[in-house]
């Protein structure tokens, strides 16, 4: 759907739910809370534009956000593929 210098938004080939959407970072880290301000601003832009598209096409559906990240209390781990997943 969308790609920026920091994030890629896609619809998985075989989604578990209709219109399932993934927002994946282009650089892998183990914790979102350690991201710099520019990355978080880019995430906000990508999330807002993605949700606007979904709202327009599906007429404002209810949805669930799922954030895949390492536990907060853990030390930084080997890079993980973090992801936001949206299930309208």
N, C-alpha and C. Protein backbone atom coordinates (compact mmCIF):
# COMPACT_ATOMS: atom_id res chain seq x y z
N UNK A 1 0.81 -1.19 0.00
CA UNK A 1 0.00 0.00 0.00
C UNK A 1 0.86 1.26 0.00
N UNK A 2 1.77 1.36 0.97
CA UNK A 2 2.57 2.57 1.13
C UNK A 2 3.98 2.19 1.55
N UNK A 3 4.94 3.02 1.17
CA UNK A 3 6.31 2.82 1.64
C UNK A 3 6.95 4.17 1.84
N UNK A 4 7.60 4.35 2.99
CA UNK A 4 8.39 5.55 3.27
C UNK A 4 9.82 5.10 3.51
N UNK A 5 10.69 6.03 3.86
CA UNK A 5 12.07 5.65 4.13
C UNK A 5 12.21 4.83 5.41
N UNK A 6 11.17 4.84 6.28
CA UNK A 6 11.26 4.13 7.56
C UNK A 6 10.26 2.99 7.75
N UNK A 7 9.14 3.00 6.99
CA UNK A 7 8.10 2.00 7.17
C UNK A 7 7.54 1.52 5.84
N UNK A 8 7.05 0.28 5.84
CA UNK A 8 6.35 -0.29 4.70
C UNK A 8 5.00 -0.78 5.19
N UNK A 9 3.95 -0.42 4.47
CA UNK A 9 2.59 -0.86 4.79
C UNK A 9 2.18 -1.85 3.72
N UNK A 10 1.67 -3.01 4.14
CA UNK A 10 1.28 -4.01 3.17
C UNK A 10 0.05 -4.79 3.64
N UNK A 11 -0.56 -5.44 2.68
CA UNK A 11 -1.65 -6.37 2.92
C UNK A 11 -1.06 -7.76 2.72
N UNK A 12 -1.07 -8.62 3.75
CA UNK A 12 -0.46 -9.94 3.59
C UNK A 12 -1.15 -10.77 2.51
N UNK A 13 -0.39 -11.65 1.89
CA UNK A 13 -0.90 -12.49 0.81
C UNK A 13 -2.06 -13.37 1.28
N UNK A 14 -1.92 -13.99 2.43
CA UNK A 14 -2.96 -14.86 2.97
C UNK A 14 -3.33 -14.37 4.37
N UNK A 15 -4.11 -13.28 4.47
CA UNK A 15 -4.41 -12.71 5.79
C UNK A 15 -5.34 -13.61 6.60
N UNK A 16 -5.23 -13.50 7.91
CA UNK A 16 -6.13 -14.24 8.79
C UNK A 16 -7.50 -13.57 8.85
N UNK A 17 -7.53 -12.24 8.58
CA UNK A 17 -8.76 -11.47 8.63
C UNK A 17 -8.88 -10.64 7.36
N UNK A 18 -10.09 -10.37 6.88
CA UNK A 18 -10.24 -9.51 5.70
C UNK A 18 -9.66 -8.12 5.98
N UNK A 19 -8.95 -7.57 5.04
CA UNK A 19 -8.35 -6.24 5.11
C UNK A 19 -7.30 -6.11 6.20
N UNK A 20 -6.72 -7.23 6.64
CA UNK A 20 -5.62 -7.17 7.61
C UNK A 20 -4.49 -6.35 7.00
N UNK A 21 -3.91 -5.46 7.79
CA UNK A 21 -2.88 -4.54 7.31
C UNK A 21 -1.68 -4.60 8.25
N UNK A 22 -0.49 -4.65 7.71
CA UNK A 22 0.73 -4.65 8.51
C UNK A 22 1.52 -3.38 8.24
N UNK A 23 2.05 -2.77 9.30
CA UNK A 23 2.98 -1.65 9.19
C UNK A 23 4.31 -2.16 9.73
N UNK A 24 5.27 -2.32 8.85
CA UNK A 24 6.57 -2.90 9.20
C UNK A 24 7.67 -1.86 9.12
N UNK A 25 8.56 -1.81 10.12
CA UNK A 25 9.69 -0.89 10.02
C UNK A 25 10.72 -1.42 9.02
N UNK A 26 11.36 -0.52 8.32
CA UNK A 26 12.41 -0.93 7.38
C UNK A 26 13.71 -1.27 8.10
N UNK A 27 13.89 -0.74 9.31
CA UNK A 27 15.06 -1.06 10.14
C UNK A 27 14.56 -1.82 11.36
N UNK A 28 15.11 -2.98 11.62
CA UNK A 28 14.64 -3.82 12.71
C UNK A 28 15.27 -3.42 14.03
N UNK A 29 14.43 -3.27 15.05
CA UNK A 29 14.84 -3.00 16.42
C UNK A 29 14.03 -3.91 17.33
N UNK A 30 14.39 -3.99 18.60
CA UNK A 30 13.62 -4.86 19.49
C UNK A 30 12.57 -4.10 20.31
N UNK A 31 12.67 -2.76 20.38
CA UNK A 31 11.73 -1.97 21.18
C UNK A 31 11.34 -0.69 20.45
N UNK A 32 10.05 -0.42 20.36
CA UNK A 32 9.60 0.84 19.75
C UNK A 32 9.94 2.04 20.63
N UNK A 33 9.91 1.87 21.95
CA UNK A 33 10.14 3.00 22.85
C UNK A 33 11.55 3.58 22.74
N UNK A 34 12.44 2.91 22.07
CA UNK A 34 13.80 3.42 21.87
C UNK A 34 13.95 4.14 20.52
N UNK A 35 12.86 4.28 19.77
CA UNK A 35 12.91 4.93 18.46
C UNK A 35 13.11 6.43 18.62
N UNK A 36 13.77 7.03 17.64
CA UNK A 36 13.98 8.48 17.69
C UNK A 36 12.71 9.21 17.25
N UNK A 37 12.70 10.52 17.46
CA UNK A 37 11.51 11.34 17.16
C UNK A 37 11.14 11.28 15.69
N UNK A 38 12.11 11.28 14.80
CA UNK A 38 11.81 11.24 13.37
C UNK A 38 11.11 9.93 12.98
N UNK A 39 11.52 8.83 13.57
CA UNK A 39 10.88 7.55 13.30
C UNK A 39 9.44 7.54 13.80
N UNK A 40 9.22 8.06 15.00
CA UNK A 40 7.87 8.10 15.56
C UNK A 40 6.96 9.04 14.76
N UNK A 41 7.51 10.15 14.28
CA UNK A 41 6.71 11.05 13.43
C UNK A 41 6.35 10.37 12.12
N UNK A 42 7.28 9.64 11.56
CA UNK A 42 7.00 8.92 10.32
C UNK A 42 5.97 7.82 10.56
N UNK A 43 6.06 7.14 11.69
CA UNK A 43 5.06 6.13 12.04
C UNK A 43 3.68 6.76 12.18
N UNK A 44 3.60 7.92 12.82
CA UNK A 44 2.32 8.61 12.96
C UNK A 44 1.74 8.97 11.60
N UNK A 45 2.58 9.45 10.69
CA UNK A 45 2.12 9.79 9.34
C UNK A 45 1.59 8.56 8.61
N UNK A 46 2.36 7.47 8.67
CA UNK A 46 1.97 6.23 7.98
C UNK A 46 0.69 5.66 8.58
N UNK A 47 0.60 5.65 9.89
CA UNK A 47 -0.58 5.12 10.55
C UNK A 47 -1.82 5.95 10.21
N UNK A 48 -1.68 7.26 10.25
CA UNK A 48 -2.82 8.13 9.94
C UNK A 48 -3.28 7.96 8.49
N UNK A 49 -2.35 7.96 7.55
CA UNK A 49 -2.74 7.83 6.15
C UNK A 49 -3.36 6.45 5.87
N UNK A 50 -2.83 5.40 6.51
CA UNK A 50 -3.38 4.06 6.33
C UNK A 50 -4.79 3.97 6.90
N UNK A 51 -4.99 4.51 8.09
CA UNK A 51 -6.32 4.45 8.71
C UNK A 51 -7.34 5.29 7.94
N UNK A 52 -6.92 6.39 7.37
CA UNK A 52 -7.83 7.19 6.54
C UNK A 52 -8.30 6.39 5.32
N UNK A 53 -7.38 5.68 4.70
CA UNK A 53 -7.75 4.85 3.54
C UNK A 53 -8.72 3.75 3.93
N UNK A 54 -8.45 3.08 5.04
CA UNK A 54 -9.34 2.01 5.50
C UNK A 54 -10.70 2.57 5.87
N UNK A 55 -10.72 3.70 6.59
CA UNK A 55 -11.99 4.32 6.97
C UNK A 55 -12.82 4.71 5.75
N UNK A 56 -12.16 5.22 4.73
CA UNK A 56 -12.89 5.64 3.53
C UNK A 56 -13.49 4.46 2.78
N UNK A 57 -12.71 3.41 2.60
CA UNK A 57 -13.16 2.26 1.82
C UNK A 57 -14.18 1.41 2.58
N UNK A 58 -13.96 1.21 3.87
CA UNK A 58 -14.82 0.32 4.65
C UNK A 58 -15.86 1.06 5.49
N UNK A 59 -15.96 2.37 5.31
CA UNK A 59 -16.96 3.19 6.02
C UNK A 59 -16.82 3.10 7.54
N UNK A 60 -15.64 3.43 8.02
CA UNK A 60 -15.31 3.55 9.45
C UNK A 60 -15.57 2.26 10.24
N UNK A 61 -14.85 1.20 9.93
CA UNK A 61 -15.07 -0.06 10.65
C UNK A 61 -14.46 -0.04 12.05
N UNK A 62 -14.92 -0.93 12.89
CA UNK A 62 -14.24 -1.17 14.17
C UNK A 62 -12.98 -1.98 13.85
N UNK A 63 -11.92 -1.82 14.62
CA UNK A 63 -10.68 -2.55 14.34
C UNK A 63 -9.88 -2.75 15.61
N UNK A 64 -8.94 -3.65 15.55
CA UNK A 64 -8.00 -3.93 16.64
C UNK A 64 -6.59 -3.67 16.15
N UNK A 65 -5.78 -3.00 16.99
CA UNK A 65 -4.36 -2.83 16.71
C UNK A 65 -3.59 -3.82 17.54
N UNK A 66 -2.61 -4.44 16.94
CA UNK A 66 -1.73 -5.36 17.66
C UNK A 66 -0.30 -4.89 17.41
N UNK A 67 0.44 -4.68 18.49
CA UNK A 67 1.84 -4.25 18.39
C UNK A 67 2.72 -5.42 18.78
N UNK A 68 3.57 -5.85 17.85
CA UNK A 68 4.53 -6.92 18.12
C UNK A 68 5.87 -6.28 18.47
N UNK A 69 6.31 -6.46 19.71
CA UNK A 69 7.57 -5.89 20.18
C UNK A 69 8.10 -6.75 21.32
N UNK A 70 9.34 -6.54 21.69
CA UNK A 70 9.91 -7.26 22.83
C UNK A 70 9.31 -6.69 24.13
N UNK A 71 9.26 -7.48 25.21
CA UNK A 71 8.75 -6.97 26.48
C UNK A 71 9.56 -5.75 26.95
N UNK A 72 8.87 -4.80 27.57
CA UNK A 72 9.50 -3.54 27.98
C UNK A 72 10.64 -3.77 28.96
N UNK A 73 10.47 -4.68 29.89
CA UNK A 73 11.47 -4.88 30.93
C UNK A 73 12.73 -5.58 30.44
N UNK A 74 12.70 -6.17 29.26
CA UNK A 74 13.87 -6.88 28.73
C UNK A 74 14.89 -5.91 28.16
N UNK A 75 16.14 -6.29 28.26
CA UNK A 75 17.21 -5.53 27.64
C UNK A 75 17.07 -5.64 26.12
N UNK A 76 17.69 -4.72 25.38
CA UNK A 76 17.61 -4.83 23.90
C UNK A 76 18.07 -6.22 23.44
N UNK A 77 17.29 -6.78 22.55
CA UNK A 77 17.57 -8.11 22.02
C UNK A 77 18.11 -8.00 20.62
N UNK A 78 18.42 -9.12 20.05
CA UNK A 78 18.80 -9.13 18.63
C UNK A 78 17.64 -8.50 17.86
N UNK A 79 17.93 -7.81 16.78
CA UNK A 79 16.84 -7.15 16.05
C UNK A 79 15.69 -8.08 15.72
N UNK A 80 14.49 -7.61 16.01
CA UNK A 80 13.27 -8.36 15.75
C UNK A 80 12.45 -7.64 14.70
N UNK A 81 11.68 -8.36 13.93
CA UNK A 81 10.79 -7.69 12.98
C UNK A 81 9.53 -7.18 13.70
N UNK A 82 9.60 -5.96 14.23
CA UNK A 82 8.46 -5.36 14.91
C UNK A 82 7.36 -5.09 13.91
N UNK A 83 6.14 -5.05 14.38
CA UNK A 83 5.03 -4.80 13.45
C UNK A 83 3.82 -4.27 14.19
N UNK A 84 3.11 -3.37 13.54
CA UNK A 84 1.74 -3.03 13.93
C UNK A 84 0.86 -3.83 13.00
N UNK A 85 -0.16 -4.45 13.55
CA UNK A 85 -1.12 -5.14 12.71
C UNK A 85 -2.49 -4.57 13.00
N UNK A 86 -3.28 -4.39 11.98
CA UNK A 86 -4.61 -3.85 12.11
C UNK A 86 -5.60 -4.86 11.55
N UNK A 87 -6.62 -5.17 12.34
CA UNK A 87 -7.65 -6.11 11.93
C UNK A 87 -8.99 -5.40 11.97
N UNK A 88 -9.46 -4.86 10.84
CA UNK A 88 -10.80 -4.23 10.86
C UNK A 88 -11.88 -5.28 10.93
